Amino acid sequence: MNNEDNADKKGFLSAFHKFFNKIKELFVAFAKRFKDASTGTKISHFVMGFGNIKHKQILKGIIFFIVQLGFISLMVFSPEINATPFGSKSLVNLITLGTEAGDISNPTDNSMLMLLFGIVTIGMILLFVMTYFASIRSSYKADLDIREGKLPTTFKQDLQALLDERFHIAMLTPALIGILVFTLLPTIFMISIAFTNFDSLHPAGQVLFDWVGFENFVNVFNGTGEIGHRFLPVLGWTILWAFLATFSNYIGGILLALLINRKGVKGKKVWRTIFIVTIALPQFITLLAMRNLMADYGPINTFMVNIGLIDEPINFLANAASPWVARITIVVINIWIGVPFTMLMTSGILMNVPRDLYEAAQIDGATKRQAFRYITIPYVVFVTTPYLITSFIGNITNFNIIFLLTGGAPNVPGYIAGETDLLITWLYKLTIDQNEYNLGAVVGILTFIITATATLLTYTRSKSFKEEDAFQ
């Protein structure tokens, strides 16, 4: 084992040790606080808000008690929503995903709702635990205030603090709740579906579906079914597309910006305005217009036939005889759409390159070509590296251009994913068109892993990250 492997192993063990030390410290602090607390605060460990009420923080104590009472009632009585229990029973249903197959007289258990309610219940439990500890901390803080000869803060004072020194908490809390409800829980739900057999053969509310573990992920690599046969080809085209789309726009935009900003070029503002106007058009309108222009009997094909350049129309997009014709056409259209964005950004960067760098290079005898190679290009690349990374990731998930131009066609007989489908458009077809929700969830997870890994590895190894102050 080499030194690098030893360093990695030590780093992992160190992180593992720190994690468990942190957990140990939390338990030690909890036990110490319980021991030092007043009787009211100790009772608050079992009856939320009791310590606050004892310290004459009546309203705050009542709020904590109502939260505890409501949570217990929800978990004990487990009300039903659409004939599906919500509460403690939903935790059991999360494990089974339903047991009643149903018949003419009795409806089938809704496995999807059981999965959803189980995840939401776990989220509510976590929120309750956070509120529980907040109740204890609030009561213990009142203990400390009394020991120091102070009066415990009133509810009004707490509200005033939220609008003053703790204003950041008041502003961030709604955002965190929104992230939890609209981002985190749906993401966990989607990830959970990837470990089930929730597909077109198991529609929710009609047929029970069940947990299948890592079977769907195993099928990706053992060549089983749609996902096994088409994942690697679609992934390969997705990566190739992202590379071509990103760097063609990037290089084209830089060259166009250099050309417009070159000394001696007249009407620079006019040229910039012309390209900016193209950005003002919504992308979906531009893409639909290009699809119609390049249709089998569209203006471009008609013009080439009329002038004798071709004998019959060329199928550029969905009906192309070769998938590479459609792919190259998509890349060319994307250049036409995307270059103005890079041109506009690069123009601003070129105007802000420090002039003293060029002056110093000129004094040292550097030619214009050498100044361009060793000053202009490194500066532009340094500043635009984050944009380049986000553009690459954005092209991996560029749904509009594929969906609106080809819809993923040309089709592959017997499969859902076409020759021009990206992972994101394939995911759309699997879920919206075919109801293969488990496979769609697998594709979504793998897409996230690929994009997140590419972003982290690329950016942390770039000069923009390592040499942040290089051009300051």
Protein backbone atom coordinates (compact mmCIF):
# COMPACT_ATOMS: atom_id res chain seq x y z
CA MET A 1 0.00 0.00 0.00
CA ASN A 2 1.48 3.37 -1.06
CA ASN A 3 1.61 6.59 0.95
CA GLU A 4 -1.41 8.06 -0.83
CA ASP A 5 -3.56 5.05 0.09
CA ASN A 6 -2.36 5.29 3.69
CA ALA A 7 -3.24 9.00 3.76
CA ASP A 8 -6.72 8.30 2.39
CA LYS A 9 -7.27 5.55 4.96
CA LYS A 10 -6.11 7.78 7.82
CA GLY A 11 -8.31 10.61 6.56
CA PHE A 12 -11.36 8.33 6.48
CA LEU A 13 -10.66 6.95 9.95
CA SER A 14 -10.14 10.48 11.27
CA ALA A 15 -13.46 11.65 9.84
CA PHE A 16 -15.18 8.54 11.21
CA HIS A 17 -13.66 9.17 14.66
CA LYS A 18 -14.69 12.85 14.64
CA PHE A 19 -18.24 11.95 13.69
CA PHE A 20 -18.70 9.56 16.60
CA ASN A 21 -16.98 11.98 18.97
CA LYS A 22 -19.51 14.60 17.92
CA ILE A 23 -22.38 12.21 18.64
CA LYS A 24 -20.83 11.38 22.01
CA GLU A 25 -20.50 15.08 22.86
CA LEU A 26 -24.17 15.66 22.08
CA PHE A 27 -25.25 12.89 24.46
CA VAL A 28 -22.88 14.10 27.17
CA ALA A 29 -24.16 17.67 26.81
CA PHE A 30 -27.77 16.43 26.94
CA ALA A 31 -27.13 14.45 30.13
CA LYS A 32 -25.27 17.35 31.74
CA ARG A 33 -28.05 19.78 30.90
CA PHE A 34 -30.67 17.42 32.33
CA LYS A 35 -28.66 17.09 35.55
CA ASP A 36 -28.13 20.84 35.98
CA ALA A 37 -31.65 21.88 34.95
CA SER A 38 -34.45 22.96 37.27
CA THR A 39 -37.37 20.69 38.06
CA GLY A 40 -39.53 22.46 35.49
CA THR A 41 -36.96 21.96 32.74
CA LYS A 42 -36.57 18.30 33.69
CA ILE A 43 -40.33 17.83 33.36
CA SER A 44 -40.12 19.59 29.98
CA HIS A 45 -38.24 16.54 28.77
CA PHE A 46 -41.57 14.70 29.06
CA VAL A 47 -44.17 17.49 28.87
CA MET A 48 -43.09 20.12 26.38
CA GLY A 49 -43.55 23.70 27.55
CA PHE A 50 -43.89 22.84 31.25
CA GLY A 51 -40.64 24.60 32.15
CA ASN A 52 -41.63 27.71 30.19
CA ILE A 53 -45.00 27.88 31.94
CA LYS A 54 -43.26 27.45 35.31
CA HIS A 55 -40.97 30.37 34.40
CA LYS A 56 -44.07 32.46 33.55
CA GLN A 57 -43.46 32.20 29.80
CA ILE A 58 -47.08 31.16 29.44
CA LEU A 59 -47.70 31.69 25.71
CA LYS A 60 -44.45 30.05 24.67
CA GLY A 61 -45.12 27.07 26.94
CA ILE A 62 -48.68 26.67 25.59
CA ILE A 63 -47.38 26.66 22.01
CA PHE A 64 -44.85 23.92 22.79
CA PHE A 65 -47.51 21.88 24.62
CA ILE A 66 -50.00 22.21 21.73
CA VAL A 67 -47.31 21.02 19.31
CA GLN A 68 -46.68 17.93 21.46
CA LEU A 69 -50.38 17.26 21.92
CA GLY A 70 -51.05 17.59 18.20
CA PHE A 71 -48.15 15.31 17.29
CA ILE A 72 -49.21 12.62 19.75
CA SER A 73 -52.82 12.81 18.56
CA LEU A 74 -51.71 12.48 14.92
CA MET A 75 -49.50 9.49 15.66
CA VAL A 76 -52.02 7.70 17.91
CA PHE A 77 -55.27 8.22 16.02
CA SER A 78 -53.75 8.07 12.50
CA PRO A 79 -56.46 9.84 10.45
CA GLU A 80 -57.14 8.54 6.95
CA ILE A 81 -56.65 10.51 3.74
CA ASN A 82 -58.14 8.89 0.64
CA ALA A 83 -58.64 5.69 2.68
CA THR A 84 -54.92 5.64 3.51
CA PRO A 85 -53.78 6.04 7.17
CA PHE A 86 -51.54 8.98 8.03
CA GLY A 87 -49.48 8.88 11.23
CA SER A 88 -47.99 5.94 13.12
CA LYS A 89 -49.75 3.44 10.85
CA SER A 90 -48.11 5.06 7.84
CA LEU A 91 -44.72 3.96 9.21
CA VAL A 92 -45.88 0.35 9.14
CA ASN A 93 -47.33 0.86 5.66
CA LEU A 94 -44.01 2.32 4.54
CA ILE A 95 -42.46 -1.09 5.20
CA THR A 96 -45.18 -3.17 3.55
CA LEU A 97 -46.47 -0.67 0.93
CA GLY A 98 -49.88 -2.27 1.37
CA THR A 99 -51.23 -5.73 1.99
CA GLU A 100 -54.83 -5.55 0.72
CA ALA A 101 -54.91 -6.51 -2.96
CA GLY A 102 -58.60 -5.60 -3.12
CA ASP A 103 -61.54 -6.92 -5.09
CA ILE A 104 -64.88 -5.70 -6.39
CA SER A 105 -66.13 -4.72 -2.93
CA ASN A 106 -62.85 -3.56 -1.33
CA PRO A 107 -60.41 -1.12 -2.99
CA THR A 108 -56.74 -2.00 -3.34
CA ASP A 109 -54.29 -0.36 -0.95
CA ASN A 110 -52.69 2.66 -2.59
CA SER A 111 -48.99 1.83 -2.38
CA MET A 112 -47.94 5.23 -3.73
CA LEU A 113 -49.84 7.12 -1.02
CA MET A 114 -48.47 4.76 1.61
CA LEU A 115 -44.93 5.47 0.42
CA LEU A 116 -45.60 9.22 0.32
CA PHE A 117 -47.33 9.37 3.72
CA GLY A 118 -44.56 7.29 5.29
CA ILE A 119 -41.88 9.68 4.06
CA VAL A 120 -43.91 12.74 5.12
CA THR A 121 -44.43 11.18 8.57
CA ILE A 122 -40.70 10.66 8.98
CA GLY A 123 -40.20 14.31 8.03
CA MET A 124 -42.78 15.38 10.61
CA ILE A 125 -41.06 13.26 13.25
CA LEU A 126 -37.76 14.99 12.52
CA LEU A 127 -39.44 18.41 12.77
CA PHE A 128 -41.05 17.39 16.04
CA VAL A 129 -37.68 16.25 17.44
CA MET A 130 -36.21 19.64 16.51
CA THR A 131 -39.12 21.38 18.26
CA TYR A 132 -38.70 19.09 21.27
CA PHE A 133 -35.08 20.10 21.74
CA ALA A 134 -36.00 23.75 21.14
CA SER A 135 -38.47 23.47 24.03
CA ILE A 136 -35.78 22.09 26.34
CA ARG A 137 -33.24 24.72 25.29
CA SER A 138 -35.81 27.49 25.82
CA SER A 139 -36.62 26.30 29.34
CA TYR A 140 -32.93 25.78 30.20
CA LYS A 141 -32.11 29.29 28.95
CA ALA A 142 -34.71 30.62 31.38
CA ASP A 143 -32.96 28.63 34.14
CA LEU A 144 -29.66 30.30 33.31
CA ASP A 145 -31.26 33.75 33.17
CA ILE A 146 -32.71 33.28 36.66
CA ARG A 147 -29.36 32.06 38.03
CA GLU A 148 -27.74 35.22 36.67
CA GLY A 149 -30.37 37.38 38.34
CA LYS A 150 -32.22 38.18 35.12
CA LEU A 151 -35.87 37.82 34.24
CA PRO A 152 -36.70 35.19 31.60
CA THR A 153 -37.46 36.75 28.25
CA THR A 154 -41.13 37.24 27.41
CA PHE A 155 -42.81 36.14 24.20
CA LYS A 156 -42.88 39.77 23.04
CA GLN A 157 -39.14 40.11 23.64
CA ASP A 158 -38.50 36.94 21.68
CA LEU A 159 -40.49 38.33 18.75
CA GLN A 160 -38.57 41.59 18.91
CA ALA A 161 -35.31 39.63 18.89
CA LEU A 162 -36.44 37.83 15.73
CA LEU A 163 -36.82 41.22 14.08
CA ASP A 164 -33.47 42.48 15.37
CA GLU A 165 -30.38 40.45 16.28
CA ARG A 166 -31.97 37.15 15.25
CA PHE A 167 -33.51 38.52 12.06
CA HIS A 168 -31.54 36.03 9.98
CA ILE A 169 -33.47 33.20 11.65
CA ALA A 170 -36.82 34.85 10.85
CA MET A 171 -35.85 35.23 7.19
CA LEU A 172 -34.19 31.84 6.66
CA THR A 173 -36.78 29.69 8.44
CA PRO A 174 -39.51 30.04 5.73
CA ALA A 175 -36.89 29.28 3.07
CA LEU A 176 -35.72 26.17 4.92
CA ILE A 177 -39.29 24.98 5.35
CA GLY A 178 -39.89 25.55 1.64
CA ILE A 179 -36.77 23.56 0.75
CA LEU A 180 -37.90 20.75 3.04
CA VAL A 181 -41.45 20.60 1.66
CA PHE A 182 -40.89 21.31 -2.03
CA THR A 183 -37.37 19.97 -2.62
CA LEU A 184 -36.13 17.54 0.01
CA LEU A 185 -39.27 15.45 0.54
CA PRO A 186 -40.04 15.10 -3.22
CA THR A 187 -36.41 14.13 -3.81
CA ILE A 188 -36.54 11.46 -1.09
CA PHE A 189 -39.85 10.23 -2.56
CA MET A 190 -38.29 9.97 -6.02
CA ILE A 191 -35.24 8.15 -4.67
CA SER A 192 -37.50 5.72 -2.81
CA ILE A 193 -39.45 4.89 -5.98
CA ALA A 194 -36.19 3.71 -7.59
CA PHE A 195 -36.14 0.82 -5.10
CA THR A 196 -39.68 -0.37 -5.94
CA ASN A 197 -41.42 -2.01 -8.90
CA PHE A 198 -43.78 0.95 -9.40
CA ASP A 199 -44.32 0.80 -13.18
CA SER A 200 -47.04 0.50 -15.81
CA LEU A 201 -47.85 -3.04 -14.61
CA HIS A 202 -48.37 -1.80 -11.03
CA PRO A 203 -50.51 1.37 -11.31
CA ALA A 204 -51.11 3.08 -7.96
CA GLY A 205 -54.46 2.27 -6.38
CA GLN A 206 -55.10 -0.65 -8.74
CA VAL A 207 -52.22 -3.06 -8.17
CA LEU A 208 -49.87 -3.21 -5.18
CA PHE A 209 -46.21 -2.55 -5.78
CA ASP A 210 -43.38 -3.55 -3.45
CA TRP A 211 -39.76 -2.90 -2.53
CA VAL A 212 -37.26 -4.62 -4.85
CA GLY A 213 -34.01 -3.31 -3.37
CA PHE A 214 -31.22 -2.61 -5.86
CA GLU A 215 -32.76 -4.73 -8.62
CA ASN A 216 -33.47 -1.73 -10.88
CA PHE A 217 -29.89 -0.51 -10.54
CA VAL A 218 -28.48 -3.97 -11.18
CA ASN A 219 -30.51 -4.13 -14.42
CA VAL A 220 -28.65 -1.05 -15.67
CA PHE A 221 -25.37 -2.95 -15.75
CA ASN A 222 -26.46 -6.50 -16.57
CA GLY A 223 -28.26 -5.59 -19.82
CA THR A 224 -31.79 -6.44 -18.66
CA GLY A 225 -34.78 -4.69 -20.23
CA GLU A 226 -35.07 -1.14 -21.59
CA ILE A 227 -32.77 0.41 -19.02
CA GLY A 228 -30.10 -2.27 -19.39
CA HIS A 229 -29.88 -2.06 -23.18
CA ARG A 230 -30.29 1.68 -23.65
CA PHE A 231 -28.65 3.32 -20.64
CA LEU A 232 -25.03 3.26 -21.83
CA PRO A 233 -25.83 4.38 -25.44
CA VAL A 234 -28.00 7.23 -24.13
CA LEU A 235 -25.37 8.17 -21.54
CA GLY A 236 -22.65 8.16 -24.20
CA TRP A 237 -24.63 10.48 -26.50
CA THR A 238 -25.56 12.71 -23.53
CA ILE A 239 -21.89 13.22 -22.59
CA LEU A 240 -20.86 13.73 -26.24
CA TRP A 241 -23.69 16.20 -26.78
CA ALA A 242 -22.83 18.14 -23.62
CA PHE A 243 -19.17 18.36 -24.70
CA LEU A 244 -19.91 19.46 -28.27
CA ALA A 245 -22.68 21.88 -27.28
CA THR A 246 -20.60 23.48 -24.53
CA PHE A 247 -17.29 23.93 -26.30
CA SER A 248 -18.72 24.85 -29.71
CA ASN A 249 -20.68 27.70 -28.12
CA TYR A 250 -17.77 28.61 -25.87
CA ILE A 251 -15.14 28.78 -28.59
CA GLY A 252 -17.53 30.33 -31.11
CA GLY A 253 -18.61 32.99 -28.63
CA ILE A 254 -15.02 33.89 -27.73
CA LEU A 255 -13.99 34.15 -31.40
CA LEU A 256 -17.03 36.29 -32.19
CA ALA A 257 -16.34 38.57 -29.21
CA LEU A 258 -12.68 38.94 -30.23
CA LEU A 259 -13.73 39.76 -33.77
CA ILE A 260 -16.23 42.41 -32.69
CA ASN A 261 -13.86 43.96 -30.13
CA ARG A 262 -10.94 44.02 -32.54
CA LYS A 263 -9.47 47.45 -33.27
CA GLY A 264 -10.57 48.80 -36.61
CA VAL A 265 -13.97 47.09 -36.61
CA LYS A 266 -16.62 49.72 -37.20
CA GLY A 267 -20.12 49.69 -35.71
CA LYS A 268 -19.24 47.54 -32.71
CA LYS A 269 -22.38 48.59 -30.86
CA VAL A 270 -24.52 47.73 -33.88
CA TRP A 271 -23.01 44.23 -34.14
CA ARG A 272 -23.46 43.59 -30.44
CA THR A 273 -27.06 44.79 -30.62
CA ILE A 274 -27.85 42.45 -33.51
CA PHE A 275 -26.66 39.43 -31.57
CA ILE A 276 -28.33 40.57 -28.35
CA VAL A 277 -31.66 40.85 -30.18
CA THR A 278 -31.44 37.13 -31.00
CA ILE A 279 -31.21 36.42 -27.26
CA ALA A 280 -34.44 38.37 -26.66
CA LEU A 281 -36.48 35.72 -28.49
CA PRO A 282 -37.74 32.90 -26.21
CA GLN A 283 -35.73 29.76 -26.89
CA PHE A 284 -38.74 27.53 -27.54
CA ILE A 285 -39.94 29.89 -30.31
CA THR A 286 -36.50 29.82 -31.93
CA LEU A 287 -36.33 26.04 -31.74
CA LEU A 288 -39.81 25.55 -33.21
CA ALA A 289 -38.97 27.98 -35.99
CA MET A 290 -35.79 26.07 -36.79
CA ARG A 291 -37.67 22.78 -36.77
CA ASN A 292 -40.12 24.14 -39.33
CA LEU A 293 -37.36 25.70 -41.45
CA MET A 294 -35.49 22.38 -41.60
CA ALA A 295 -38.55 20.16 -42.01
CA ASP A 296 -38.62 17.64 -44.85
CA TYR A 297 -40.62 20.06 -47.01
CA GLY A 298 -39.63 23.24 -45.22
CA PRO A 299 -38.15 26.39 -46.77
CA ILE A 300 -34.53 25.18 -46.62
CA ASN A 301 -35.20 21.87 -48.38
CA THR A 302 -37.53 23.54 -50.89
CA PHE A 303 -34.90 26.18 -51.72
CA MET A 304 -32.14 23.60 -52.25
CA VAL A 305 -34.38 21.48 -54.50
CA ASN A 306 -35.43 24.52 -56.56
CA ILE A 307 -31.86 25.62 -57.24
CA GLY A 308 -30.85 22.06 -58.14
CA LEU A 309 -28.49 21.58 -55.21
CA ILE A 310 -30.28 18.36 -54.19
CA ASP A 311 -32.71 16.08 -56.04
CA GLU A 312 -34.99 15.31 -53.09
CA PRO A 313 -35.51 16.72 -49.58
CA ILE A 314 -33.01 15.80 -46.87
CA ASN A 315 -34.37 14.55 -43.55
CA PHE A 316 -32.37 16.64 -41.08
CA LEU A 317 -34.10 15.90 -37.79
CA ALA A 318 -36.60 13.28 -36.56
CA ASN A 319 -36.86 11.42 -39.86
CA ALA A 320 -33.14 11.44 -40.64
CA ALA A 321 -31.83 8.28 -42.30
CA SER A 322 -28.78 8.32 -40.02
CA PRO A 323 -28.85 9.34 -36.36
CA TRP A 324 -25.63 11.29 -36.90
CA VAL A 325 -27.36 13.59 -39.38
CA ALA A 326 -29.92 14.50 -36.71
CA ARG A 327 -27.24 14.84 -34.04
CA ILE A 328 -25.00 17.10 -36.12
CA THR A 329 -28.02 19.22 -37.08
CA ILE A 330 -28.94 19.65 -33.42
CA VAL A 331 -25.38 20.72 -32.55
CA VAL A 332 -25.35 23.27 -35.41
CA ILE A 333 -28.72 24.73 -34.36
CA ASN A 334 -27.49 24.93 -30.77
CA ILE A 335 -24.44 26.90 -31.94
CA TRP A 336 -26.68 29.39 -33.68
CA ILE A 337 -28.78 29.77 -30.51
CA GLY A 338 -26.03 29.68 -27.87
CA VAL A 339 -23.10 31.63 -29.33
CA PRO A 340 -24.62 35.09 -28.64
CA PHE A 341 -24.75 34.34 -24.90
CA THR A 342 -21.04 33.51 -24.77
CA MET A 343 -20.20 36.45 -27.04
CA LEU A 344 -22.00 38.88 -24.74
CA MET A 345 -20.31 37.50 -21.63
CA THR A 346 -16.85 37.37 -23.19
CA SER A 347 -17.18 40.92 -24.54
CA GLY A 348 -17.60 42.20 -21.00
CA ILE A 349 -14.60 40.19 -19.82
CA LEU A 350 -12.37 41.44 -22.64
CA MET A 351 -13.22 45.03 -21.77
CA ASN A 352 -12.05 44.43 -18.20
CA VAL A 353 -8.72 42.71 -18.80
CA PRO A 354 -6.20 44.81 -16.77
CA ARG A 355 -4.43 47.10 -19.24
CA ASP A 356 -1.26 47.11 -17.15
CA LEU A 357 -0.75 43.44 -18.06
CA TYR A 358 -0.58 44.33 -21.74
CA GLU A 359 1.64 47.33 -21.03
CA ALA A 360 4.07 45.21 -19.02
CA ALA A 361 4.12 42.58 -21.77
CA GLN A 362 4.77 45.25 -24.40
CA ILE A 363 7.68 46.66 -22.37
CA ASP A 364 9.15 43.13 -22.14
CA GLY A 365 8.99 42.87 -25.93
CA ALA A 366 6.00 40.53 -26.26
CA THR A 367 4.20 40.49 -29.61
CA LYS A 368 0.43 40.87 -29.95
CA ARG A 369 0.11 37.15 -30.59
CA GLN A 370 2.09 36.33 -27.43
CA ALA A 371 0.01 38.80 -25.39
CA PHE A 372 -3.15 37.16 -26.71
CA ARG A 373 -1.86 33.67 -25.93
CA TYR A 374 -0.41 34.31 -22.47
CA ILE A 375 -2.69 37.09 -21.16
CA THR A 376 -6.04 37.28 -22.96
CA ILE A 377 -6.82 33.57 -23.25
CA PRO A 378 -5.72 32.61 -19.67
CA TYR A 379 -7.69 35.55 -18.24
CA VAL A 380 -10.86 34.69 -20.17
CA VAL A 381 -10.61 30.99 -19.29
CA PHE A 382 -9.90 31.79 -15.63
CA VAL A 383 -12.98 34.03 -15.33
CA THR A 384 -15.32 31.82 -17.36
CA THR A 385 -14.43 28.43 -15.84
CA PRO A 386 -17.47 28.41 -13.50
CA TYR A 387 -19.68 29.34 -16.48
CA LEU A 388 -18.09 26.59 -18.56
CA ILE A 389 -18.83 24.01 -15.88
CA THR A 390 -22.43 25.12 -15.36
CA SER A 391 -22.93 25.23 -19.13
CA PHE A 392 -21.68 21.65 -19.46
CA ILE A 393 -23.98 20.45 -16.69
CA GLY A 394 -26.85 22.46 -18.13
CA ASN A 395 -26.39 20.79 -21.51
CA ILE A 396 -26.52 17.35 -19.90
CA THR A 397 -30.03 18.26 -18.73
CA ASN A 398 -30.96 20.40 -21.77
CA PHE A 399 -34.50 19.17 -22.26
CA ASN A 400 -35.87 21.83 -24.62
CA ILE A 401 -33.59 21.50 -27.62
CA ILE A 402 -33.99 17.72 -27.96
CA PHE A 403 -37.68 17.57 -27.13
CA LEU A 404 -38.67 20.44 -29.44
CA LEU A 405 -36.41 19.55 -32.39
CA THR A 406 -36.56 15.75 -32.64
CA GLY A 407 -38.48 14.41 -29.63
CA GLY A 408 -35.62 11.91 -29.27
CA ALA A 409 -36.04 10.48 -32.79
CA PRO A 410 -34.90 8.72 -34.91
CA ASN A 411 -36.52 5.92 -32.96
CA VAL A 412 -34.84 2.65 -32.01
CA PRO A 413 -37.19 -0.26 -32.75
CA GLY A 414 -38.41 -1.97 -29.59
CA TYR A 415 -37.13 0.71 -27.20
CA ILE A 416 -38.44 3.93 -25.69
CA ALA A 417 -35.17 5.87 -25.89
CA GLY A 418 -34.41 7.21 -29.38
CA GLU A 419 -31.08 7.96 -31.04
CA THR A 420 -31.05 11.63 -29.98
CA ASP A 421 -32.60 11.20 -26.55
CA LEU A 422 -30.65 12.57 -23.59
CA LEU A 423 -30.99 11.10 -20.12
CA ILE A 424 -33.45 13.88 -19.22
CA THR A 425 -35.74 13.36 -22.24
CA TRP A 426 -35.59 9.59 -21.74
CA LEU A 427 -36.63 10.11 -18.13
CA TYR A 428 -39.59 12.20 -19.36
CA LYS A 429 -40.71 9.44 -21.73
CA LEU A 430 -40.34 6.74 -19.10
CA THR A 431 -42.49 8.58 -16.56
CA ILE A 432 -44.98 10.74 -18.47
CA ASP A 433 -45.51 8.57 -21.55
CA GLN A 434 -44.88 5.03 -20.28
CA ASN A 435 -45.59 5.26 -16.51
CA GLU A 436 -42.32 3.44 -15.78
CA TYR A 437 -41.77 5.47 -12.62
CA ASN A 438 -39.18 3.17 -11.06
CA LEU A 439 -36.96 3.25 -14.13
CA GLY A 440 -37.42 7.01 -14.43
CA ALA A 441 -36.32 7.40 -10.81
CA VAL A 442 -33.20 5.29 -11.48
CA VAL A 443 -32.32 7.46 -14.49
CA GLY A 444 -32.90 10.59 -12.40
CA ILE A 445 -30.62 9.38 -9.60
CA LEU A 446 -27.85 8.34 -11.99
CA THR A 447 -28.13 11.68 -13.82
CA PHE A 448 -27.76 13.52 -10.53
CA ILE A 449 -24.73 11.43 -9.53
CA ILE A 450 -23.05 12.11 -12.87
CA THR A 451 -23.73 15.86 -12.89
CA ALA A 452 -22.87 16.37 -9.21
CA THR A 453 -19.62 14.39 -9.48
CA ALA A 454 -18.59 16.17 -12.68
CA THR A 455 -19.29 19.58 -11.12
CA LEU A 456 -17.39 18.93 -7.90
CA LEU A 457 -14.37 17.26 -9.46
CA THR A 458 -14.03 19.79 -12.28
CA TYR A 459 -14.46 22.94 -10.25
CA THR A 460 -12.29 21.93 -7.29
CA ARG A 461 -9.45 21.15 -9.72
CA SER A 462 -9.78 24.38 -11.72
CA LYS A 463 -7.58 27.45 -11.32
CA SER A 464 -10.67 29.51 -10.57
CA PHE A 465 -10.99 27.53 -7.34
CA LYS A 466 -7.32 27.01 -6.45
CA GLU A 467 -6.06 30.49 -7.44
CA GLU A 468 -9.06 32.64 -6.57
CA ASP A 469 -6.98 35.81 -6.07
CA ALA A 470 -4.71 35.35 -9.06
CA PHE A 471 -6.07 38.26 -11.12
CA GLN A 472 -7.07 40.57 -8.27
